PDB file of N, CA and C in Angstrom:
ATOM      1  N   MET A   1     -19.523  33.274  32.858  1.00  0.00           N
ATOM      2  CA  MET A   1     -18.312  33.252  32.055  1.00  0.00           C
ATOM      3  C   MET A   1     -18.278  34.446  31.151  1.00  0.00           C
ATOM      4  N   THR A   2     -17.398  35.315  31.344  1.00  0.00           N
ATOM      5  CA  THR A   2     -17.198  36.463  30.471  1.00  0.00           C
ATOM      6  C   THR A   2     -16.160  36.085  29.416  1.00  0.00           C
ATOM      7  N   ALA A   3     -16.391  36.431  28.189  1.00  0.00           N
ATOM      8  CA  ALA A   3     -15.465  36.120  27.104  1.00  0.00           C
ATOM      9  C   ALA A   3     -14.078  36.720  27.419  1.00  0.00           C
ATOM     10  N   ASN A   4     -13.038  35.924  27.265  1.00  0.00           N
ATOM     11  CA  ASN A   4     -11.684  36.393  27.483  1.00  0.00           C
ATOM     12  C   ASN A   4     -10.755  36.014  26.318  1.00  0.00           C
ATOM     13  N   VAL A   5     -11.330  35.569  25.221  1.00  0.00           N
ATOM     14  CA  VAL A   5     -10.571  35.202  24.013  1.00  0.00           C
ATOM     15  C   VAL A   5     -11.013  36.116  22.882  1.00  0.00           C
ATOM     16  N   GLY A   6     -10.068  36.911  22.356  1.00  0.00           N
ATOM     17  CA  GLY A   6     -10.367  37.842  21.288  1.00  0.00           C
ATOM     18  C   GLY A   6     -10.522  37.159  19.940  1.00  0.00           C
ATOM     19  N   ILE A   7     -10.899  37.927  18.924  1.00  0.00           N
ATOM     20  CA  ILE A   7     -11.223  37.402  17.617  1.00  0.00           C
ATOM     21  C   ILE A   7     -10.016  36.757  16.926  1.00  0.00           C
ATOM     22  N   VAL A   8      -8.855  37.333  16.994  1.00  0.00           N
ATOM     23  CA  VAL A   8      -7.678  36.769  16.366  1.00  0.00           C
ATOM     24  C   VAL A   8      -7.285  35.486  17.110  1.00  0.00           C
ATOM     25  N   ASP A   9      -7.238  35.560  18.416  1.00  0.00           N
ATOM     26  CA  ASP A   9      -6.923  34.386  19.269  1.00  0.00           C
ATOM     27  C   ASP A   9      -7.928  33.274  19.005  1.00  0.00           C
ATOM     28  N   ARG A  10      -9.181  33.667  18.917  1.00  0.00           N
ATOM     29  CA  ARG A  10     -10.280  32.704  18.687  1.00  0.00           C
ATOM     30  C   ARG A  10     -10.110  31.995  17.321  1.00  0.00           C
ATOM     31  N   THR A  11      -9.824  32.790  16.281  1.00  0.00           N
ATOM     32  CA  THR A  11      -9.629  32.205  14.963  1.00  0.00           C
ATOM     33  C   THR A  11      -8.462  31.250  14.928  1.00  0.00           C
ATOM     34  N   LEU A  12      -7.345  31.643  15.537  1.00  0.00           N
ATOM     35  CA  LEU A  12      -6.180  30.762  15.564  1.00  0.00           C
ATOM     36  C   LEU A  12      -6.439  29.480  16.329  1.00  0.00           C
ATOM     37  N   ARG A  13      -7.182  29.564  17.411  1.00  0.00           N
ATOM     38  CA  ARG A  13      -7.521  28.380  18.198  1.00  0.00           C
ATOM     39  C   ARG A  13      -8.384  27.411  17.391  1.00  0.00           C
ATOM     40  N   ILE A  14      -9.375  27.952  16.702  1.00  0.00           N
ATOM     41  CA  ILE A  14     -10.283  27.107  15.919  1.00  0.00           C
ATOM     42  C   ILE A  14      -9.526  26.426  14.788  1.00  0.00           C
ATOM     43  N   VAL A  15      -8.693  27.169  14.067  1.00  0.00           N
ATOM     44  CA  VAL A  15      -7.924  26.595  12.967  1.00  0.00           C
ATOM     45  C   VAL A  15      -6.939  25.529  13.473  1.00  0.00           C
ATOM     46  N   ALA A  16      -6.227  25.863  14.559  1.00  0.00           N
ATOM     47  CA  ALA A  16      -5.275  24.890  15.123  1.00  0.00           C
ATOM     48  C   ALA A  16      -5.978  23.643  15.621  1.00  0.00           C
ATOM     49  N   GLY A  17      -7.121  23.841  16.250  1.00  0.00           N
ATOM     50  CA  GLY A  17      -7.885  22.680  16.744  1.00  0.00           C
ATOM     51  C   GLY A  17      -8.341  21.774  15.622  1.00  0.00           C
ATOM     52  N   LEU A  18      -8.835  22.384  14.553  1.00  0.00           N
ATOM     53  CA  LEU A  18      -9.321  21.588  13.408  1.00  0.00           C
ATOM     54  C   LEU A  18      -8.150  20.850  12.726  1.00  0.00           C
ATOM     55  N   ILE A  19      -6.992  21.482  12.613  1.00  0.00           N
ATOM     56  CA  ILE A  19      -5.844  20.849  12.004  1.00  0.00           C
ATOM     57  C   ILE A  19      -5.371  19.660  12.870  1.00  0.00           C
ATOM     58  N   LEU A  20      -5.303  19.848  14.179  1.00  0.00           N
ATOM     59  CA  LEU A  20      -4.885  18.761  15.067  1.00  0.00           C
ATOM     60  C   LEU A  20      -5.866  17.596  15.008  1.00  0.00           C
ATOM     61  N   ILE A  21      -7.150  17.896  14.971  1.00  0.00           N
ATOM     62  CA  ILE A  21      -8.160  16.816  14.896  1.00  0.00           C
ATOM     63  C   ILE A  21      -8.051  16.098  13.539  1.00  0.00           C
ATOM     64  N   ALA A  22      -7.807  16.858  12.477  1.00  0.00           N
ATOM     65  CA  ALA A  22      -7.626  16.257  11.152  1.00  0.00           C
ATOM     66  C   ALA A  22      -6.399  15.309  11.155  1.00  0.00           C
ATOM     67  N   LEU A  23      -5.345  15.722  11.867  1.00  0.00           N
ATOM     68  CA  LEU A  23      -4.173  14.864  11.982  1.00  0.00           C
ATOM     69  C   LEU A  23      -4.526  13.582  12.719  1.00  0.00           C
ATOM     70  N   ALA A  24      -5.279  13.713  13.789  1.00  0.00           N
ATOM     71  CA  ALA A  24      -5.684  12.542  14.588  1.00  0.00           C
ATOM     72  C   ALA A  24      -6.506  11.568  13.753  1.00  0.00           C
ATOM     73  N   LEU A  25      -7.301  12.090  12.850  1.00  0.00           N
ATOM     74  CA  LEU A  25      -8.146  11.264  12.010  1.00  0.00           C
ATOM     75  C   LEU A  25      -7.393  10.679  10.809  1.00  0.00           C
ATOM     76  N   GLY A  26      -6.187  11.146  10.587  1.00  0.00           N
ATOM     77  CA  GLY A  26      -5.370  10.658   9.493  1.00  0.00           C
ATOM     78  C   GLY A  26      -5.720  11.268   8.143  1.00  0.00           C
ATOM     79  N   LEU A  27      -6.306  12.446   8.139  1.00  0.00           N
ATOM     80  CA  LEU A  27      -6.713  13.100   6.889  1.00  0.00           C
ATOM     81  C   LEU A  27      -5.535  13.587   6.052  1.00  0.00           C
ATOM     82  N   PHE A  28      -4.351  13.718   6.676  1.00  0.00           N
ATOM     83  CA  PHE A  28      -3.155  14.149   5.972  1.00  0.00           C
ATOM     84  C   PHE A  28      -2.222  12.978   5.686  1.00  0.00           C
ATOM     85  N   GLY A  29      -2.733  11.778   5.882  1.00  0.00           N
ATOM     86  CA  GLY A  29      -1.920  10.580   5.680  1.00  0.00           C
ATOM     87  C   GLY A  29      -1.703   9.855   6.978  1.00  0.00           C
ATOM     88  N   SER A  30      -1.555   8.568   6.898  1.00  0.00           N
ATOM     89  CA  SER A  30      -1.449   7.751   8.111  1.00  0.00           C
ATOM     90  C   SER A  30      -0.121   8.013   8.851  1.00  0.00           C
ATOM     91  N   ALA A  31       0.895   8.545   8.169  1.00  0.00           N
ATOM     92  CA  ALA A  31       2.160   8.833   8.811  1.00  0.00           C
ATOM     93  C   ALA A  31       1.995   9.924   9.891  1.00  0.00           C
ATOM     94  N   TYR A  32       1.017  10.797   9.730  1.00  0.00           N
ATOM     95  CA  TYR A  32       0.795  11.898  10.674  1.00  0.00           C
ATOM     96  C   TYR A  32      -0.266  11.568  11.708  1.00  0.00           C
ATOM     97  N   GLN A  33      -0.893  10.424  11.571  1.00  0.00           N
ATOM     98  CA  GLN A  33      -1.990  10.036  12.489  1.00  0.00           C
ATOM     99  C   GLN A  33      -1.441   9.738  13.856  1.00  0.00           C
ATOM    100  N   THR A  34      -1.950  10.403  14.857  1.00  0.00           N
ATOM    101  CA  THR A  34      -1.474  10.228  16.219  1.00  0.00           C
ATOM    102  C   THR A  34      -2.588  10.515  17.229  1.00  0.00           C
ATOM    103  N   VAL A  35      -2.485   9.887  18.361  1.00  0.00           N
ATOM    104  CA  VAL A  35      -3.482  10.123  19.424  1.00  0.00           C
ATOM    105  C   VAL A  35      -3.373  11.535  19.955  1.00  0.00           C
ATOM    106  N   TRP A  36      -2.200  12.105  19.925  1.00  0.00           N
ATOM    107  CA  TRP A  36      -1.964  13.460  20.444  1.00  0.00           C
ATOM    108  C   TRP A  36      -2.780  14.495  19.664  1.00  0.00           C
ATOM    109  N   GLY A  37      -3.197  14.184  18.468  1.00  0.00           N
ATOM    110  CA  GLY A  37      -3.999  15.122  17.688  1.00  0.00           C
ATOM    111  C   GLY A  37      -5.336  15.414  18.339  1.00  0.00           C
ATOM    112  N   TRP A  38      -5.849  14.488  19.163  1.00  0.00           N
ATOM    113  CA  TRP A  38      -7.124  14.719  19.840  1.00  0.00           C
ATOM    114  C   TRP A  38      -7.054  15.831  20.870  1.00  0.00           C
ATOM    115  N   ILE A  39      -5.850  16.279  21.200  1.00  0.00           N
ATOM    116  CA  ILE A  39      -5.711  17.428  22.099  1.00  0.00           C
ATOM    117  C   ILE A  39      -6.261  18.687  21.401  1.00  0.00           C
ATOM    118  N   GLY A  40      -6.450  18.603  20.071  1.00  0.00           N
ATOM    119  CA  GLY A  40      -7.023  19.719  19.320  1.00  0.00           C
ATOM    120  C   GLY A  40      -8.438  20.068  19.720  1.00  0.00           C
ATOM    121  N   ILE A  41      -9.092  19.175  20.465  1.00  0.00           N
ATOM    122  CA  ILE A  41     -10.454  19.466  20.968  1.00  0.00           C
ATOM    123  C   ILE A  41     -10.405  20.664  21.920  1.00  0.00           C
ATOM    124  N   VAL A  42      -9.345  20.766  22.697  1.00  0.00           N
ATOM    125  CA  VAL A  42      -9.233  21.859  23.693  1.00  0.00           C
ATOM    126  C   VAL A  42      -9.225  23.213  23.014  1.00  0.00           C
ATOM    127  N   PRO A  43      -8.284  23.497  22.091  1.00  0.00           N
ATOM    128  CA  PRO A  43      -8.332  24.833  21.465  1.00  0.00           C
ATOM    129  C   PRO A  43      -9.588  25.055  20.623  1.00  0.00           C
ATOM    130  N   LEU A  44     -10.142  23.997  20.039  1.00  0.00           N
ATOM    131  CA  LEU A  44     -11.353  24.142  19.248  1.00  0.00           C
ATOM    132  C   LEU A  44     -12.509  24.598  20.143  1.00  0.00           C
ATOM    133  N   VAL A  45     -12.685  23.944  21.276  1.00  0.00           N
ATOM    134  CA  VAL A  45     -13.806  24.308  22.176  1.00  0.00           C
ATOM    135  C   VAL A  45     -13.583  25.690  22.792  1.00  0.00           C
ATOM    136  N   THR A  46     -12.368  26.001  23.233  1.00  0.00           N
ATOM    137  CA  THR A  46     -12.139  27.309  23.816  1.00  0.00           C
ATOM    138  C   THR A  46     -12.329  28.410  22.794  1.00  0.00           C
ATOM    139  N   GLY A  47     -12.003  28.124  21.528  1.00  0.00           N
ATOM    140  CA  GLY A  47     -12.220  29.118  20.458  1.00  0.00           C
ATOM    141  C   GLY A  47     -13.693  29.292  20.173  1.00  0.00           C
ATOM    142  N   LEU A  48     -14.451  28.205  20.181  1.00  0.00           N
ATOM    143  CA  LEU A  48     -15.871  28.280  19.875  1.00  0.00           C
ATOM    144  C   LEU A  48     -16.667  29.013  20.968  1.00  0.00           C
ATOM    145  N   VAL A  49     -16.285  28.824  22.223  1.00  0.00           N
ATOM    146  CA  VAL A  49     -17.018  29.461  23.312  1.00  0.00           C
ATOM    147  C   VAL A  49     -16.402  30.801  23.748  1.00  0.00           C
ATOM    148  N   SER A  50     -15.278  31.160  23.159  1.00  0.00           N
ATOM    149  CA  SER A  50     -14.586  32.432  23.452  1.00  0.00           C
ATOM    150  C   SER A  50     -14.216  32.582  24.918  1.00  0.00           C
ATOM    151  N   TRP A  51     -13.936  31.495  25.580  1.00  0.00           N
ATOM    152  CA  TRP A  51     -13.544  31.530  26.982  1.00  0.00           C
ATOM    153  C   TRP A  51     -12.495  30.462  27.246  1.00  0.00           C
ATOM    154  N   CYS A  52     -11.406  30.878  27.876  1.00  0.00           N
ATOM    155  CA  CYS A  52     -10.319  29.958  28.181  1.00  0.00           C
ATOM    156  C   CYS A  52     -10.134  29.934  29.715  1.00  0.00           C
ATOM    157  N   PRO A  53     -10.253  28.761  30.318  1.00  0.00           N
ATOM    158  CA  PRO A  53     -10.114  28.687  31.777  1.00  0.00           C
ATOM    159  C   PRO A  53      -8.711  29.085  32.256  1.00  0.00           C
ATOM    160  N   LEU A  54      -7.686  28.769  31.469  1.00  0.00           N
ATOM    161  CA  LEU A  54      -6.324  29.147  31.863  1.00  0.00           C
ATOM    162  C   LEU A  54      -6.166  30.669  31.875  1.00  0.00           C
ATOM    163  N   TYR A  55      -6.741  31.346  30.856  1.00  0.00           N
ATOM    164  CA  TYR A  55      -6.727  32.804  30.826  1.00  0.00           C
ATOM    165  C   TYR A  55      -7.437  33.365  32.062  1.00  0.00           C
ATOM    166  N   ALA A  56      -8.524  32.749  32.465  1.00  0.00           N
ATOM    167  CA  ALA A  56      -9.272  33.233  33.637  1.00  0.00           C
ATOM    168  C   ALA A  56      -8.403  33.098  34.901  1.00  0.00           C
ATOM    169  N   VAL A  57      -7.701  31.995  35.052  1.00  0.00           N
ATOM    170  CA  VAL A  57      -6.842  31.785  36.228  1.00  0.00           C
ATOM    171  C   VAL A  57      -5.705  32.788  36.236  1.00  0.00           C
ATOM    172  N   LEU A  58      -5.113  33.044  35.066  1.00  0.00           N
ATOM    173  CA  LEU A  58      -3.973  33.957  34.969  1.00  0.00           C
ATOM    174  C   LEU A  58      -4.381  35.420  34.862  1.00  0.00           C
ATOM    175  N   GLY A  59      -5.675  35.698  34.762  1.00  0.00           N
ATOM    176  CA  GLY A  59      -6.151  37.065  34.654  1.00  0.00           C
ATOM    177  C   GLY A  59      -5.892  37.691  33.285  1.00  0.00           C
ATOM    178  N   MET A  60      -5.740  36.870  32.252  1.00  0.00           N
ATOM    179  CA  MET A  60      -5.468  37.361  30.917  1.00  0.00           C
ATOM    180  C   MET A  60      -6.779  37.583  30.154  1.00  0.00           C
ATOM    181  N   ASN A  61      -6.690  38.470  29.148  1.00  0.00           N
ATOM    182  CA  ASN A  61      -7.841  38.762  28.331  1.00  0.00           C
ATOM    183  C   ASN A  61      -7.359  39.304  26.992  1.00  0.00           C
ATOM    184  N   THR A  62      -7.722  38.637  25.905  1.00  0.00           N
ATOM    185  CA  THR A  62      -7.293  39.100  24.578  1.00  0.00           C
ATOM    186  C   THR A  62      -8.453  39.735  23.811  1.00  0.00           C
ATOM    187  N   CYS A  63      -9.560  40.001  24.509  1.00  0.00           N
ATOM    188  CA  CYS A  63     -10.728  40.611  23.887  1.00  0.00           C
ATOM    189  C   CYS A  63     -10.551  42.108  23.654  1.00  0.00           C
ATOM    190  N   GLY A  64      -9.703  42.732  24.418  1.00  0.00           N
ATOM    191  CA  GLY A  64      -9.567  44.172  24.314  1.00  0.00           C
ATOM    192  C   GLY A  64     -10.552  44.904  25.219  1.00  0.00           C
ATOM    193  N   ARG A  65     -11.214  44.183  26.111  1.00  0.00           N
ATOM    194  CA  ARG A  65     -12.169  44.823  27.016  1.00  0.00           C
ATOM    195  C   ARG A  65     -11.502  45.110  28.334  1.00  0.00           C
TER     196      ARG A  65
END
């Protein structure tokens, strides 16, 4: 697996993933608590490992390499 997620993309994915997971846990209030927040695991993991399978399929790369 060659990294295909650049630093800006990676940072945005990690932040978005953490926010979605926080929503799922109800940290912003129970009104925002939803099961869909657990989808935040996907951007969090792809940001942490710097590799996105969808980018690999589409031939995209935000690393600048």
